[in-house]
Amino acid sequence: MMKFSIVTVTFNASKHLEESIISVINQSYKNIEYIIIDGGSHDGTLEIIRKYENVELLIGDVGAELE
């Protein structure tokens, strides 16, 4: 079975993120790698992500590439 990677990029996305996570988890196709890349949120986004043990979290510095 082919493995699919789903990547979500977030920044202060607590209002809608959990709905997205649940949608990915509830897919009938189960060979999924789910990665969330966060830009350093301060609104509870990280706490939401950490509730889901099967989601890989990467945290980056927003704007670091622009300096």
N, C-alpha and C. Protein backbone atom coordinates (compact mmCIF):
# COMPACT_ATOMS: atom_id res chain seq x y z
N MET A 1 0.86 -1.18 0.00
CA MET A 1 0.00 0.00 0.00
C MET A 1 0.90 1.24 0.00
N MET A 2 0.61 2.19 -0.85
CA MET A 2 1.38 3.42 -0.97
C MET A 2 1.15 4.32 0.25
N LYS A 3 2.22 4.94 0.74
CA LYS A 3 2.11 5.86 1.87
C LYS A 3 1.99 7.29 1.36
N PHE A 4 1.02 8.02 1.91
CA PHE A 4 0.83 9.42 1.57
C PHE A 4 1.29 10.29 2.71
N SER A 5 1.91 11.41 2.37
CA SER A 5 2.29 12.41 3.38
C SER A 5 1.38 13.61 3.22
N ILE A 6 0.83 14.04 4.34
CA ILE A 6 0.00 15.24 4.36
C ILE A 6 0.72 16.24 5.25
N VAL A 7 0.92 17.45 4.74
CA VAL A 7 1.63 18.49 5.48
C VAL A 7 0.71 19.69 5.65
N THR A 8 0.60 20.15 6.89
CA THR A 8 -0.16 21.35 7.19
C THR A 8 0.81 22.36 7.80
N VAL A 9 0.82 23.57 7.27
CA VAL A 9 1.67 24.64 7.79
C VAL A 9 0.76 25.58 8.57
N THR A 10 1.18 25.90 9.83
CA THR A 10 0.32 26.70 10.69
C THR A 10 1.06 27.87 11.32
N PHE A 11 0.31 28.87 11.70
CA PHE A 11 0.76 29.95 12.57
C PHE A 11 -0.48 30.52 13.24
N ASN A 12 -0.55 30.37 14.56
CA ASN A 12 -1.71 30.82 15.33
C ASN A 12 -3.02 30.34 14.70
N ALA A 13 -3.10 29.02 14.54
CA ALA A 13 -4.24 28.41 13.85
C ALA A 13 -5.16 27.62 14.77
N SER A 14 -5.16 27.93 16.05
CA SER A 14 -5.92 27.12 17.01
C SER A 14 -7.42 27.09 16.70
N LYS A 15 -7.92 28.11 16.07
CA LYS A 15 -9.36 28.20 15.81
C LYS A 15 -9.85 27.09 14.88
N HIS A 16 -9.02 26.66 13.92
CA HIS A 16 -9.47 25.69 12.92
C HIS A 16 -8.61 24.44 12.83
N LEU A 17 -7.49 24.40 13.51
CA LEU A 17 -6.55 23.31 13.34
C LEU A 17 -7.08 21.95 13.76
N GLU A 18 -7.75 21.89 14.90
CA GLU A 18 -8.21 20.60 15.39
C GLU A 18 -9.18 19.94 14.41
N GLU A 19 -9.99 20.72 13.77
CA GLU A 19 -10.91 20.19 12.75
C GLU A 19 -10.12 19.54 11.61
N SER A 20 -9.02 20.15 11.22
CA SER A 20 -8.18 19.59 10.16
C SER A 20 -7.51 18.30 10.60
N ILE A 21 -6.99 18.29 11.83
CA ILE A 21 -6.34 17.09 12.35
C ILE A 21 -7.33 15.93 12.40
N ILE A 22 -8.49 16.17 12.91
CA ILE A 22 -9.52 15.12 13.02
C ILE A 22 -9.91 14.62 11.63
N SER A 23 -10.01 15.50 10.67
CA SER A 23 -10.34 15.11 9.31
C SER A 23 -9.29 14.15 8.74
N VAL A 24 -8.02 14.46 8.96
CA VAL A 24 -6.96 13.59 8.46
C VAL A 24 -6.98 12.24 9.18
N ILE A 25 -7.12 12.26 10.49
CA ILE A 25 -7.13 11.02 11.28
C ILE A 25 -8.30 10.12 10.89
N ASN A 26 -9.43 10.69 10.53
CA ASN A 26 -10.63 9.91 10.22
C ASN A 26 -10.70 9.42 8.77
N GLN A 27 -9.67 9.64 7.98
CA GLN A 27 -9.67 9.15 6.61
C GLN A 27 -9.73 7.62 6.59
N SER A 28 -10.40 7.06 5.63
CA SER A 28 -10.49 5.60 5.53
C SER A 28 -9.15 4.99 5.09
N TYR A 29 -8.37 5.73 4.35
CA TYR A 29 -7.03 5.27 3.96
C TYR A 29 -6.11 5.53 5.14
N LYS A 30 -5.49 4.48 5.66
CA LYS A 30 -4.76 4.59 6.93
C LYS A 30 -3.24 4.70 6.79
N ASN A 31 -2.69 4.51 5.61
CA ASN A 31 -1.23 4.59 5.46
C ASN A 31 -0.83 6.04 5.17
N ILE A 32 -1.01 6.88 6.20
CA ILE A 32 -0.80 8.32 6.08
C ILE A 32 0.24 8.77 7.09
N GLU A 33 1.15 9.61 6.63
CA GLU A 33 2.09 10.30 7.50
C GLU A 33 1.58 11.74 7.57
N TYR A 34 1.31 12.23 8.78
CA TYR A 34 0.77 13.59 8.93
C TYR A 34 1.78 14.46 9.66
N ILE A 35 2.21 15.50 8.99
CA ILE A 35 3.22 16.41 9.53
C ILE A 35 2.61 17.80 9.62
N ILE A 36 2.78 18.42 10.79
CA ILE A 36 2.35 19.81 10.96
C ILE A 36 3.60 20.64 11.22
N ILE A 37 3.78 21.67 10.43
CA ILE A 37 4.90 22.59 10.59
C ILE A 37 4.32 23.89 11.16
N ASP A 38 4.78 24.25 12.34
CA ASP A 38 4.26 25.45 13.00
C ASP A 38 5.32 26.54 13.00
N GLY A 39 4.89 27.75 12.79
CA GLY A 39 5.79 28.88 12.72
C GLY A 39 5.99 29.61 14.03
N GLY A 40 5.78 28.94 15.16
CA GLY A 40 6.00 29.57 16.46
C GLY A 40 4.73 30.19 17.03
N SER A 41 3.64 29.49 16.93
CA SER A 41 2.33 30.00 17.39
C SER A 41 2.33 30.29 18.89
N HIS A 42 1.46 31.24 19.28
CA HIS A 42 1.29 31.64 20.68
C HIS A 42 -0.16 31.60 21.12
N ASP A 43 -1.00 30.88 20.38
CA ASP A 43 -2.44 30.92 20.65
C ASP A 43 -3.03 29.58 21.08
N GLY A 44 -2.19 28.63 21.47
CA GLY A 44 -2.70 27.32 21.86
C GLY A 44 -2.60 26.28 20.76
N THR A 45 -2.10 26.66 19.61
CA THR A 45 -1.95 25.72 18.50
C THR A 45 -1.10 24.52 18.89
N LEU A 46 0.02 24.75 19.55
CA LEU A 46 0.92 23.65 19.90
C LEU A 46 0.27 22.69 20.87
N GLU A 47 -0.50 23.18 21.79
CA GLU A 47 -1.20 22.32 22.75
C GLU A 47 -2.20 21.41 22.04
N ILE A 48 -2.85 21.94 21.03
CA ILE A 48 -3.80 21.13 20.25
C ILE A 48 -3.04 20.03 19.52
N ILE A 49 -1.94 20.36 18.88
CA ILE A 49 -1.17 19.37 18.13
C ILE A 49 -0.66 18.28 19.07
N ARG A 50 -0.18 18.64 20.23
CA ARG A 50 0.40 17.67 21.17
C ARG A 50 -0.62 16.68 21.72
N LYS A 51 -1.91 16.96 21.58
CA LYS A 51 -2.95 16.02 22.01
C LYS A 51 -2.99 14.78 21.12
N TYR A 52 -2.42 14.87 19.93
CA TYR A 52 -2.50 13.79 18.95
C TYR A 52 -1.13 13.16 18.76
N GLU A 53 -0.93 11.98 19.36
CA GLU A 53 0.39 11.35 19.37
C GLU A 53 0.85 10.86 18.00
N ASN A 54 -0.05 10.67 17.05
CA ASN A 54 0.34 10.17 15.74
C ASN A 54 0.59 11.29 14.72
N VAL A 55 0.74 12.53 15.20
CA VAL A 55 1.02 13.67 14.34
C VAL A 55 2.45 14.13 14.62
N GLU A 56 3.24 14.27 13.57
CA GLU A 56 4.61 14.76 13.73
C GLU A 56 4.59 16.29 13.68
N LEU A 57 5.27 16.91 14.63
CA LEU A 57 5.27 18.37 14.74
C LEU A 57 6.67 18.90 14.49
N LEU A 58 6.77 19.88 13.61
CA LEU A 58 8.01 20.60 13.38
C LEU A 58 7.74 22.07 13.68
N ILE A 59 8.61 22.69 14.48
CA ILE A 59 8.41 24.09 14.84
C ILE A 59 9.54 24.91 14.23
N GLY A 60 9.17 25.97 13.54
CA GLY A 60 10.16 26.83 12.91
C GLY A 60 10.03 28.26 13.40
N ASP A 61 10.94 29.08 12.95
CA ASP A 61 10.97 30.49 13.32
C ASP A 61 10.38 31.31 12.18
N VAL A 62 9.22 31.89 12.38
CA VAL A 62 8.56 32.67 11.35
C VAL A 62 9.43 33.86 10.98
N GLY A 63 9.66 34.04 9.70
CA GLY A 63 10.42 35.18 9.21
C GLY A 63 11.93 35.00 9.26
N ALA A 64 12.42 33.88 9.77
CA ALA A 64 13.87 33.68 9.86
C ALA A 64 14.54 33.74 8.49
N GLU A 65 13.86 33.28 7.47
CA GLU A 65 14.42 33.27 6.13
C GLU A 65 14.47 34.69 5.53
N LEU A 66 13.69 35.60 6.08
CA LEU A 66 13.60 36.94 5.53
C LEU A 66 14.67 37.89 6.06
N GLU A 67 15.30 37.51 7.13
CA GLU A 67 16.30 38.39 7.74
C GLU A 67 17.63 38.33 7.04
